[in-house]
Amino acid sequence: MNKNPFGVGTLSGRGAAPQTRHGQRRQADRCVPQFIIDALIDFGEERFLGGECRSYSFTKATWKRYAHYMGPAIAGHERFRNVYLVVAGENLIITVAWRH
């Protein structure tokens, strides 16, 4: 059984997490590719914001683990290390933004 249907080092996103209209707009406005959204949920550090809301972001350690997983395919995408997202409930994406 293939535990990873996308293979190690691919830059295609699963797109499994549903998004609000606002989340879709912010992702498009901020030019964040789907594979980064998926990576944040899979590899990013989760922080609880209260209620059902939480955020995902990369730390130095989580980015290193993700970069190791991706291998050479991630070269040139280091700028996405500063992206975070806010989700509610069952991974409903509320917004996508850049840390400054």
PDB file of N, CA and C in Angstrom:
ATOM      1  N   MET A   1       0.836  -1.185   0.000  1.00  0.00           N
ATOM      2  CA  MET A   1       0.000   0.000   0.000  1.00  0.00           C
ATOM      3  C   MET A   1       0.879   1.246   0.000  1.00  0.00           C
ATOM      4  N   ASN A   2       0.554   2.187  -0.842  1.00  0.00           N
ATOM      5  CA  ASN A   2       1.319   3.419  -0.955  1.00  0.00           C
ATOM      6  C   ASN A   2       0.801   4.432   0.061  1.00  0.00           C
ATOM      7  N   LYS A   3       1.629   4.697   1.096  1.00  0.00           N
ATOM      8  CA  LYS A   3       1.211   5.649   2.123  1.00  0.00           C
ATOM      9  C   LYS A   3       1.260   7.087   1.636  1.00  0.00           C
ATOM     10  N   ASN A   4       2.042   7.357   0.609  1.00  0.00           N
ATOM     11  CA  ASN A   4       2.184   8.707   0.096  1.00  0.00           C
ATOM     12  C   ASN A   4       1.865   8.699  -1.401  1.00  0.00           C
ATOM     13  N   PRO A   5       0.633   8.943  -1.779  1.00  0.00           N
ATOM     14  CA  PRO A   5       0.254   8.857  -3.186  1.00  0.00           C
ATOM     15  C   PRO A   5       0.912   9.910  -4.064  1.00  0.00           C
ATOM     16  N   PHE A   6       1.507  10.947  -3.482  1.00  0.00           N
ATOM     17  CA  PHE A   6       2.102  12.010  -4.265  1.00  0.00           C
ATOM     18  C   PHE A   6       3.598  11.852  -4.414  1.00  0.00           C
ATOM     19  N   GLY A   7       4.180  10.920  -3.682  1.00  0.00           N
ATOM     20  CA  GLY A   7       5.617  10.690  -3.789  1.00  0.00           C
ATOM     21  C   GLY A   7       6.421  11.744  -3.067  1.00  0.00           C
ATOM     22  N   VAL A   8       7.592  11.358  -2.649  1.00  0.00           N
ATOM     23  CA  VAL A   8       8.492  12.283  -1.981  1.00  0.00           C
ATOM     24  C   VAL A   8       9.017  13.271  -3.008  1.00  0.00           C
ATOM     25  N   GLY A   9       9.012  14.536  -2.648  1.00  0.00           N
ATOM     26  CA  GLY A   9       9.616  15.546  -3.486  1.00  0.00           C
ATOM     27  C   GLY A   9       8.750  16.101  -4.602  1.00  0.00           C
ATOM     28  N   THR A  10       7.456  15.853  -4.581  1.00  0.00           N
ATOM     29  CA  THR A  10       6.601  16.429  -5.611  1.00  0.00           C
ATOM     30  C   THR A  10       6.050  17.764  -5.135  1.00  0.00           C
ATOM     31  N   LEU A  11       5.816  18.667  -6.057  1.00  0.00           N
ATOM     32  CA  LEU A  11       5.332  19.998  -5.708  1.00  0.00           C
ATOM     33  C   LEU A  11       3.859  20.182  -6.038  1.00  0.00           C
ATOM     34  N   SER A  12       3.124  19.107  -6.136  1.00  0.00           N
ATOM     35  CA  SER A  12       1.686  19.232  -6.376  1.00  0.00           C
ATOM     36  C   SER A  12       0.958  19.145  -5.045  1.00  0.00           C
ATOM     37  N   GLY A  13      -0.051  19.966  -4.877  1.00  0.00           N
ATOM     38  CA  GLY A  13      -0.808  19.964  -3.633  1.00  0.00           C
ATOM     39  C   GLY A  13      -1.998  19.029  -3.712  1.00  0.00           C
ATOM     40  N   ARG A  14      -2.379  18.512  -2.571  1.00  0.00           N
ATOM     41  CA  ARG A  14      -3.548  17.641  -2.504  1.00  0.00           C
ATOM     42  C   ARG A  14      -4.831  18.447  -2.587  1.00  0.00           C
ATOM     43  N   GLY A  15      -4.818  19.633  -1.962  1.00  0.00           N
ATOM     44  CA  GLY A  15      -6.005  20.468  -1.956  1.00  0.00           C
ATOM     45  C   GLY A  15      -7.125  19.878  -1.122  1.00  0.00           C
ATOM     46  N   ALA A  16      -6.760  19.097  -0.121  1.00  0.00           N
ATOM     47  CA  ALA A  16      -7.750  18.380   0.663  1.00  0.00           C
ATOM     48  C   ALA A  16      -8.485  19.275   1.663  1.00  0.00           C
ATOM     49  N   ALA A  17      -7.847  20.341   2.112  1.00  0.00           N
ATOM     50  CA  ALA A  17      -8.468  21.197   3.121  1.00  0.00           C
ATOM     51  C   ALA A  17      -9.440  22.168   2.457  1.00  0.00           C
ATOM     52  N   PRO A  18     -10.694  22.177   2.898  1.00  0.00           N
ATOM     53  CA  PRO A  18     -11.655  23.129   2.331  1.00  0.00           C
ATOM     54  C   PRO A  18     -11.305  24.556   2.746  1.00  0.00           C
ATOM     55  N   GLN A  19     -11.715  25.515   1.942  1.00  0.00           N
ATOM     56  CA  GLN A  19     -11.409  26.912   2.213  1.00  0.00           C
ATOM     57  C   GLN A  19     -12.675  27.760   2.191  1.00  0.00           C
ATOM     58  N   THR A  20     -12.636  28.794   3.016  1.00  0.00           N
ATOM     59  CA  THR A  20     -13.685  29.808   2.911  1.00  0.00           C
ATOM     60  C   THR A  20     -13.387  30.653   1.671  1.00  0.00           C
ATOM     61  N   ARG A  21     -14.345  31.445   1.252  1.00  0.00           N
ATOM     62  CA  ARG A  21     -14.117  32.342   0.118  1.00  0.00           C
ATOM     63  C   ARG A  21     -12.979  33.311   0.444  1.00  0.00           C
ATOM     64  N   HIS A  22     -12.963  33.791   1.667  1.00  0.00           N
ATOM     65  CA  HIS A  22     -11.889  34.689   2.105  1.00  0.00           C
ATOM     66  C   HIS A  22     -10.533  33.982   2.014  1.00  0.00           C
ATOM     67  N   GLY A  23     -10.468  32.739   2.475  1.00  0.00           N
ATOM     68  CA  GLY A  23      -9.229  31.971   2.410  1.00  0.00           C
ATOM     69  C   GLY A  23      -8.742  31.779   0.980  1.00  0.00           C
ATOM     70  N   GLN A  24      -9.666  31.502   0.075  1.00  0.00           N
ATOM     71  CA  GLN A  24      -9.299  31.348  -1.342  1.00  0.00           C
ATOM     72  C   GLN A  24      -8.737  32.650  -1.902  1.00  0.00           C
ATOM     73  N   ARG A  25      -9.387  33.758  -1.576  1.00  0.00           N
ATOM     74  CA  ARG A  25      -8.930  35.057  -2.072  1.00  0.00           C
ATOM     75  C   ARG A  25      -7.552  35.402  -1.518  1.00  0.00           C
ATOM     76  N   ARG A  26      -7.354  35.170  -0.215  1.00  0.00           N
ATOM     77  CA  ARG A  26      -6.068  35.494   0.388  1.00  0.00           C
ATOM     78  C   ARG A  26      -4.956  34.626  -0.187  1.00  0.00           C
ATOM     79  N   GLN A  27      -5.250  33.353  -0.438  1.00  0.00           N
ATOM     80  CA  GLN A  27      -4.240  32.479  -1.033  1.00  0.00           C
ATOM     81  C   GLN A  27      -3.862  32.980  -2.425  1.00  0.00           C
ATOM     82  N   ALA A  28      -4.845  33.362  -3.210  1.00  0.00           N
ATOM     83  CA  ALA A  28      -4.578  33.869  -4.557  1.00  0.00           C
ATOM     84  C   ALA A  28      -3.880  35.231  -4.509  1.00  0.00           C
ATOM     85  N   ASP A  29      -4.370  36.144  -3.656  1.00  0.00           N
ATOM     86  CA  ASP A  29      -3.787  37.484  -3.555  1.00  0.00           C
ATOM     87  C   ASP A  29      -2.334  37.434  -3.114  1.00  0.00           C
ATOM     88  N   ARG A  30      -2.027  36.486  -2.255  1.00  0.00           N
ATOM     89  CA  ARG A  30      -0.679  36.402  -1.680  1.00  0.00           C
ATOM     90  C   ARG A  30       0.206  35.394  -2.397  1.00  0.00           C
ATOM     91  N   CYS A  31      -0.298  34.845  -3.500  1.00  0.00           N
ATOM     92  CA  CYS A  31       0.485  33.957  -4.378  1.00  0.00           C
ATOM     93  C   CYS A  31       1.109  32.785  -3.629  1.00  0.00           C
ATOM     94  N   VAL A  32       0.299  32.128  -2.817  1.00  0.00           N
ATOM     95  CA  VAL A  32       0.777  30.966  -2.070  1.00  0.00           C
ATOM     96  C   VAL A  32       0.263  29.712  -2.769  1.00  0.00           C
ATOM     97  N   PRO A  33       1.163  28.859  -3.262  1.00  0.00           N
ATOM     98  CA  PRO A  33       0.727  27.649  -3.969  1.00  0.00           C
ATOM     99  C   PRO A  33       0.102  26.624  -3.024  1.00  0.00           C
ATOM    100  N   GLN A  34      -0.727  25.771  -3.592  1.00  0.00           N
ATOM    101  CA  GLN A  34      -1.446  24.770  -2.798  1.00  0.00           C
ATOM    102  C   GLN A  34      -0.501  23.826  -2.063  1.00  0.00           C
ATOM    103  N   PHE A  35       0.628  23.490  -2.663  1.00  0.00           N
ATOM    104  CA  PHE A  35       1.520  22.541  -1.992  1.00  0.00           C
ATOM    105  C   PHE A  35       2.074  23.112  -0.686  1.00  0.00           C
ATOM    106  N   ILE A  36       2.170  24.429  -0.571  1.00  0.00           N
ATOM    107  CA  ILE A  36       2.616  25.039   0.685  1.00  0.00           C
ATOM    108  C   ILE A  36       1.515  24.954   1.739  1.00  0.00           C
ATOM    109  N   ILE A  37       0.267  25.150   1.338  1.00  0.00           N
ATOM    110  CA  ILE A  37      -0.861  25.005   2.272  1.00  0.00           C
ATOM    111  C   ILE A  37      -0.866  23.587   2.852  1.00  0.00           C
ATOM    112  N   ASP A  38      -0.742  22.597   1.968  1.00  0.00           N
ATOM    113  CA  ASP A  38      -0.720  21.203   2.416  1.00  0.00           C
ATOM    114  C   ASP A  38       0.478  20.932   3.319  1.00  0.00           C
ATOM    115  N   ALA A  39       1.635  21.494   2.975  1.00  0.00           N
ATOM    116  CA  ALA A  39       2.837  21.295   3.779  1.00  0.00           C
ATOM    117  C   ALA A  39       2.694  21.913   5.159  1.00  0.00           C
ATOM    118  N   LEU A  40       2.058  23.078   5.237  1.00  0.00           N
ATOM    119  CA  LEU A  40       1.848  23.702   6.542  1.00  0.00           C
ATOM    120  C   LEU A  40       0.996  22.817   7.444  1.00  0.00           C
ATOM    121  N   ILE A  41      -0.042  22.240   6.887  1.00  0.00           N
ATOM    122  CA  ILE A  41      -0.913  21.374   7.685  1.00  0.00           C
ATOM    123  C   ILE A  41      -0.186  20.093   8.084  1.00  0.00           C
ATOM    124  N   ASP A  42       0.617  19.546   7.176  1.00  0.00           N
ATOM    125  CA  ASP A  42       1.311  18.288   7.443  1.00  0.00           C
ATOM    126  C   ASP A  42       2.575  18.445   8.280  1.00  0.00           C
ATOM    127  N   PHE A  43       3.336  19.521   8.057  1.00  0.00           N
ATOM    128  CA  PHE A  43       4.645  19.672   8.684  1.00  0.00           C
ATOM    129  C   PHE A  43       4.745  20.855   9.639  1.00  0.00           C
ATOM    130  N   GLY A  44       3.876  21.834   9.497  1.00  0.00           N
ATOM    131  CA  GLY A  44       3.991  23.067  10.273  1.00  0.00           C
ATOM    132  C   GLY A  44       3.658  22.878  11.740  1.00  0.00           C
ATOM    133  N   GLU A  45       4.072  23.859  12.512  1.00  0.00           N
ATOM    134  CA  GLU A  45       3.780  23.855  13.944  1.00  0.00           C
ATOM    135  C   GLU A  45       2.362  24.374  14.159  1.00  0.00           C
ATOM    136  N   GLU A  46       1.580  23.648  14.910  1.00  0.00           N
ATOM    137  CA  GLU A  46       0.195  24.015  15.179  1.00  0.00           C
ATOM    138  C   GLU A  46       0.127  24.808  16.477  1.00  0.00           C
ATOM    139  N   ARG A  47      -0.600  25.928  16.442  1.00  0.00           N
ATOM    140  CA  ARG A  47      -0.826  26.740  17.640  1.00  0.00           C
ATOM    141  C   ARG A  47      -2.323  26.957  17.786  1.00  0.00           C
ATOM    142  N   PHE A  48      -2.831  26.747  18.987  1.00  0.00           N
ATOM    143  CA  PHE A  48      -4.250  26.954  19.249  1.00  0.00           C
ATOM    144  C   PHE A  48      -4.502  28.428  19.525  1.00  0.00           C
ATOM    145  N   LEU A  49      -5.509  28.976  18.851  1.00  0.00           N
ATOM    146  CA  LEU A  49      -5.822  30.401  18.963  1.00  0.00           C
ATOM    147  C   LEU A  49      -7.050  30.663  19.815  1.00  0.00           C
ATOM    148  N   GLY A  50      -7.747  29.631  20.187  1.00  0.00           N
ATOM    149  CA  GLY A  50      -8.965  29.776  20.971  1.00  0.00           C
ATOM    150  C   GLY A  50     -10.150  29.236  20.214  1.00  0.00           C
ATOM    151  N   GLY A  51     -11.099  28.714  20.935  1.00  0.00           N
ATOM    152  CA  GLY A  51     -12.257  28.098  20.297  1.00  0.00           C
ATOM    153  C   GLY A  51     -11.815  26.941  19.426  1.00  0.00           C
ATOM    154  N   GLU A  52     -12.292  26.916  18.200  1.00  0.00           N
ATOM    155  CA  GLU A  52     -11.897  25.878  17.253  1.00  0.00           C
ATOM    156  C   GLU A  52     -10.782  26.341  16.323  1.00  0.00           C
ATOM    157  N   CYS A  53     -10.275  27.542  16.515  1.00  0.00           N
ATOM    158  CA  CYS A  53      -9.273  28.102  15.592  1.00  0.00           C
ATOM    159  C   CYS A  53      -7.856  27.742  16.016  1.00  0.00           C
ATOM    160  N   ARG A  54      -7.023  27.529  15.001  1.00  0.00           N
ATOM    161  CA  ARG A  54      -5.614  27.281  15.222  1.00  0.00           C
ATOM    162  C   ARG A  54      -4.837  27.786  14.006  1.00  0.00           C
ATOM    163  N   SER A  55      -3.549  27.985  14.201  1.00  0.00           N
ATOM    164  CA  SER A  55      -2.707  28.430  13.089  1.00  0.00           C
ATOM    165  C   SER A  55      -1.610  27.402  12.859  1.00  0.00           C
ATOM    166  N   TYR A  56      -1.105  27.412  11.634  1.00  0.00           N
ATOM    167  CA  TYR A  56       0.020  26.563  11.261  1.00  0.00           C
ATOM    168  C   TYR A  56       1.084  27.461  10.655  1.00  0.00           C
ATOM    169  N   SER A  57       2.315  27.265  11.082  1.00  0.00           N
ATOM    170  CA  SER A  57       3.433  28.009  10.515  1.00  0.00           C
ATOM    171  C   SER A  57       4.678  27.139  10.580  1.00  0.00           C
ATOM    172  N   PHE A  58       5.659  27.519   9.778  1.00  0.00           N
ATOM    173  CA  PHE A  58       6.926  26.806   9.801  1.00  0.00           C
ATOM    174  C   PHE A  58       7.841  27.421  10.842  1.00  0.00           C
ATOM    175  N   THR A  59       8.506  26.580  11.591  1.00  0.00           N
ATOM    176  CA  THR A  59       9.610  26.999  12.443  1.00  0.00           C
ATOM    177  C   THR A  59      10.883  26.548  11.750  1.00  0.00           C
ATOM    178  N   LYS A  60      12.000  26.887  12.303  1.00  0.00           N
ATOM    179  CA  LYS A  60      13.258  26.443  11.708  1.00  0.00           C
ATOM    180  C   LYS A  60      13.297  24.913  11.623  1.00  0.00           C
ATOM    181  N   ALA A  61      12.874  24.253  12.698  1.00  0.00           N
ATOM    182  CA  ALA A  61      12.903  22.789  12.735  1.00  0.00           C
ATOM    183  C   ALA A  61      11.889  22.161  11.776  1.00  0.00           C
ATOM    184  N   THR A  62      10.669  22.715  11.718  1.00  0.00           N
ATOM    185  CA  THR A  62       9.662  22.108  10.840  1.00  0.00           C
ATOM    186  C   THR A  62       9.983  22.352   9.372  1.00  0.00           C
ATOM    187  N   TRP A  63      10.563  23.528   9.043  1.00  0.00           N
ATOM    188  CA  TRP A  63      10.974  23.768   7.657  1.00  0.00           C
ATOM    189  C   TRP A  63      12.104  22.819   7.275  1.00  0.00           C
ATOM    190  N   LYS A  64      13.036  22.588   8.183  1.00  0.00           N
ATOM    191  CA  LYS A  64      14.148  21.680   7.904  1.00  0.00           C
ATOM    192  C   LYS A  64      13.633  20.272   7.631  1.00  0.00           C
ATOM    193  N   ARG A  65      12.667  19.829   8.426  1.00  0.00           N
ATOM    194  CA  ARG A  65      12.080  18.497   8.220  1.00  0.00           C
ATOM    195  C   ARG A  65      11.349  18.432   6.882  1.00  0.00           C
ATOM    196  N   TYR A  66      10.601  19.487   6.540  1.00  0.00           N
ATOM    197  CA  TYR A  66       9.898  19.532   5.263  1.00  0.00           C
ATOM    198  C   TYR A  66      10.888  19.565   4.094  1.00  0.00           C
ATOM    199  N   ALA A  67      11.930  20.374   4.199  1.00  0.00           N
ATOM    200  CA  ALA A  67      12.936  20.464   3.136  1.00  0.00           C
ATOM    201  C   ALA A  67      13.641  19.126   2.944  1.00  0.00           C
ATOM    202  N   HIS A  68      13.899  18.425   4.031  1.00  0.00           N
ATOM    203  CA  HIS A  68      14.514  17.097   3.920  1.00  0.00           C
ATOM    204  C   HIS A  68      13.570  16.137   3.212  1.00  0.00           C
ATOM    205  N   TYR A  69      12.299  16.208   3.535  1.00  0.00           N
ATOM    206  CA  TYR A  69      11.290  15.358   2.895  1.00  0.00           C
ATOM    207  C   TYR A  69      11.201  15.650   1.393  1.00  0.00           C
ATOM    208  N   MET A  70      11.228  16.929   1.032  1.00  0.00           N
ATOM    209  CA  MET A  70      11.075  17.325  -0.364  1.00  0.00           C
ATOM    210  C   MET A  70      12.337  17.115  -1.189  1.00  0.00           C
ATOM    211  N   GLY A  71      13.480  17.242  -0.570  1.00  0.00           N
ATOM    212  CA  GLY A  71      14.731  17.092  -1.306  1.00  0.00           C
ATOM    213  C   GLY A  71      14.971  18.291  -2.220  1.00  0.00           C
ATOM    214  N   PRO A  72      15.628  18.053  -3.357  1.00  0.00           N
ATOM    215  CA  PRO A  72      15.999  19.157  -4.247  1.00  0.00           C
ATOM    216  C   PRO A  72      14.799  19.908  -4.839  1.00  0.00           C
ATOM    217  N   ALA A  73      13.627  19.327  -4.836  1.00  0.00           N
ATOM    218  CA  ALA A  73      12.451  19.976  -5.430  1.00  0.00           C
ATOM    219  C   ALA A  73      12.078  21.272  -4.719  1.00  0.00           C
ATOM    220  N   ILE A  74      12.481  21.424  -3.464  1.00  0.00           N
ATOM    221  CA  ILE A  74      12.087  22.606  -2.696  1.00  0.00           C
ATOM    222  C   ILE A  74      13.030  23.791  -2.913  1.00  0.00           C
ATOM    223  N   ALA A  75      14.144  23.566  -3.589  1.00  0.00           N
ATOM    224  CA  ALA A  75      15.109  24.646  -3.834  1.00  0.00           C
ATOM    225  C   ALA A  75      14.412  25.815  -4.532  1.00  0.00           C
ATOM    226  N   GLY A  76      14.672  27.009  -4.039  1.00  0.00           N
ATOM    227  CA  GLY A  76      14.071  28.206  -4.615  1.00  0.00           C
ATOM    228  C   GLY A  76      12.722  28.581  -4.023  1.00  0.00           C
ATOM    229  N   HIS A  77      12.225  27.779  -3.091  1.00  0.00           N
ATOM    230  CA  HIS A  77      10.923  28.057  -2.476  1.00  0.00           C
ATOM    231  C   HIS A  77      11.046  28.446  -1.001  1.00  0.00           C
ATOM    232  N   GLU A  78      12.238  28.820  -0.570  1.00  0.00           N
ATOM    233  CA  GLU A  78      12.472  29.144   0.839  1.00  0.00           C
ATOM    234  C   GLU A  78      11.640  30.326   1.315  1.00  0.00           C
ATOM    235  N   ARG A  79      11.233  31.209   0.408  1.00  0.00           N
ATOM    236  CA  ARG A  79      10.438  32.377   0.826  1.00  0.00           C
ATOM    237  C   ARG A  79       9.116  31.958   1.471  1.00  0.00           C
ATOM    238  N   PHE A  80       8.620  30.783   1.119  1.00  0.00           N
ATOM    239  CA  PHE A  80       7.347  30.320   1.676  1.00  0.00           C
ATOM    240  C   PHE A  80       7.473  29.869   3.126  1.00  0.00           C
ATOM    241  N   ARG A  81       8.678  29.913   3.636  1.00  0.00           N
ATOM    242  CA  ARG A  81       8.889  29.579   5.042  1.00  0.00           C
ATOM    243  C   ARG A  81       8.166  30.584   5.954  1.00  0.00           C
ATOM    244  N   ASN A  82       7.866  31.766   5.436  1.00  0.00           N
ATOM    245  CA  ASN A  82       7.222  32.820   6.225  1.00  0.00           C
ATOM    246  C   ASN A  82       5.711  32.883   6.048  1.00  0.00           C
ATOM    247  N   VAL A  83       5.123  31.876   5.466  1.00  0.00           N
ATOM    248  CA  VAL A  83       3.672  31.833   5.287  1.00  0.00           C
ATOM    249  C   VAL A  83       3.042  31.145   6.505  1.00  0.00           C
ATOM    250  N   TYR A  84       1.871  31.623   6.894  1.00  0.00           N
ATOM    251  CA  TYR A  84       1.100  30.909   7.918  1.00  0.00           C
ATOM    252  C   TYR A  84      -0.358  30.875   7.484  1.00  0.00           C
ATOM    253  N   LEU A  85      -1.103  29.990   8.090  1.00  0.00           N
ATOM    254  CA  LEU A  85      -2.529  29.948   7.798  1.00  0.00           C
ATOM    255  C   LEU A  85      -3.310  29.744   9.080  1.00  0.00           C
ATOM    256  N   VAL A  86      -4.540  30.205   9.053  1.00  0.00           N
ATOM    257  CA  VAL A  86      -5.463  30.065  10.178  1.00  0.00           C
ATOM    258  C   VAL A  86      -6.597  29.169   9.723  1.00  0.00           C
ATOM    259  N   VAL A  87      -6.882  28.160  10.516  1.00  0.00           N
ATOM    260  CA  VAL A  87      -7.949  27.215  10.190  1.00  0.00           C
ATOM    261  C   VAL A  87      -8.913  27.104  11.359  1.00  0.00           C
ATOM    262  N   ALA A  88     -10.108  26.635  11.055  1.00  0.00           N
ATOM    263  CA  ALA A  88     -11.133  26.416  12.075  1.00  0.00           C
ATOM    264  C   ALA A  88     -11.749  25.045  11.846  1.00  0.00           C
ATOM    265  N   GLY A  89     -12.290  24.473  12.889  1.00  0.00           N
ATOM    266  CA  GLY A  89     -12.983  23.191  12.765  1.00  0.00           C
ATOM    267  C   GLY A  89     -12.136  22.115  12.144  1.00  0.00           C
ATOM    268  N   GLU A  90     -12.671  21.457  11.159  1.00  0.00           N
ATOM    269  CA  GLU A  90     -11.981  20.362  10.471  1.00  0.00           C
ATOM    270  C   GLU A  90     -11.122  20.891   9.326  1.00  0.00           C
ATOM    271  N   ASN A  91     -10.116  21.682   9.655  1.00  0.00           N
ATOM    272  CA  ASN A  91      -9.167  22.237   8.690  1.00  0.00           C
ATOM    273  C   ASN A  91      -9.815  23.131   7.630  1.00  0.00           C
ATOM    274  N   LEU A  92     -10.854  23.856   8.000  1.00  0.00           N
ATOM    275  CA  LEU A  92     -11.445  24.852   7.114  1.00  0.00           C
ATOM    276  C   LEU A  92     -10.535  26.075   7.133  1.00  0.00           C
ATOM    277  N   ILE A  93      -9.932  26.390   5.998  1.00  0.00           N
ATOM    278  CA  ILE A  93      -8.949  27.463   5.942  1.00  0.00           C
ATOM    279  C   ILE A  93      -9.657  28.811   5.946  1.00  0.00           C
ATOM    280  N   ILE A  94      -9.324  29.609   6.957  1.00  0.00           N
ATOM    281  CA  ILE A  94      -9.925  30.930   7.127  1.00  0.00           C
ATOM    282  C   ILE A  94      -9.106  31.984   6.376  1.00  0.00           C
ATOM    283  N   THR A  95      -7.784  31.952   6.567  1.00  0.00           N
ATOM    284  CA  THR A  95      -6.940  32.925   5.878  1.00  0.00           C
ATOM    285  C   THR A  95      -5.537  32.371   5.698  1.00  0.00           C
ATOM    286  N   VAL A  96      -4.829  32.965   4.749  1.00  0.00           N
ATOM    287  CA  VAL A  96      -3.432  32.659   4.447  1.00  0.00           C
ATOM    288  C   VAL A  96      -2.703  33.985   4.440  1.00  0.00           C
ATOM    289  N   ALA A  97      -1.556  34.052   5.109  1.00  0.00           N
ATOM    290  CA  ALA A  97      -0.846  35.323   5.200  1.00  0.00           C
ATOM    291  C   ALA A  97       0.658  35.094   5.310  1.00  0.00           C
ATOM    292  N   TRP A  98       1.383  36.214   5.204  1.00  0.00           N
ATOM    293  CA  TRP A  98       2.844  36.211   5.350  1.00  0.00           C
ATOM    294  C   TRP A  98       3.214  36.819   6.689  1.00  0.00           C
ATOM    295  N   ARG A  99       4.179  36.210   7.371  1.00  0.00           N
ATOM    296  CA  ARG A  99       4.759  36.821   8.576  1.00  0.00           C
ATOM    297  C   ARG A  99       5.748  37.870   8.126  1.00  0.00           C
ATOM    298  N   HIS A 100       5.787  38.991   8.819  1.00  0.00           N
ATOM    299  CA  HIS A 100       6.736  40.062   8.475  1.00  0.00           C
ATOM    300  C   HIS A 100       7.680  40.287   9.618  1.00  0.00           C
TER     301      HIS A 100
END
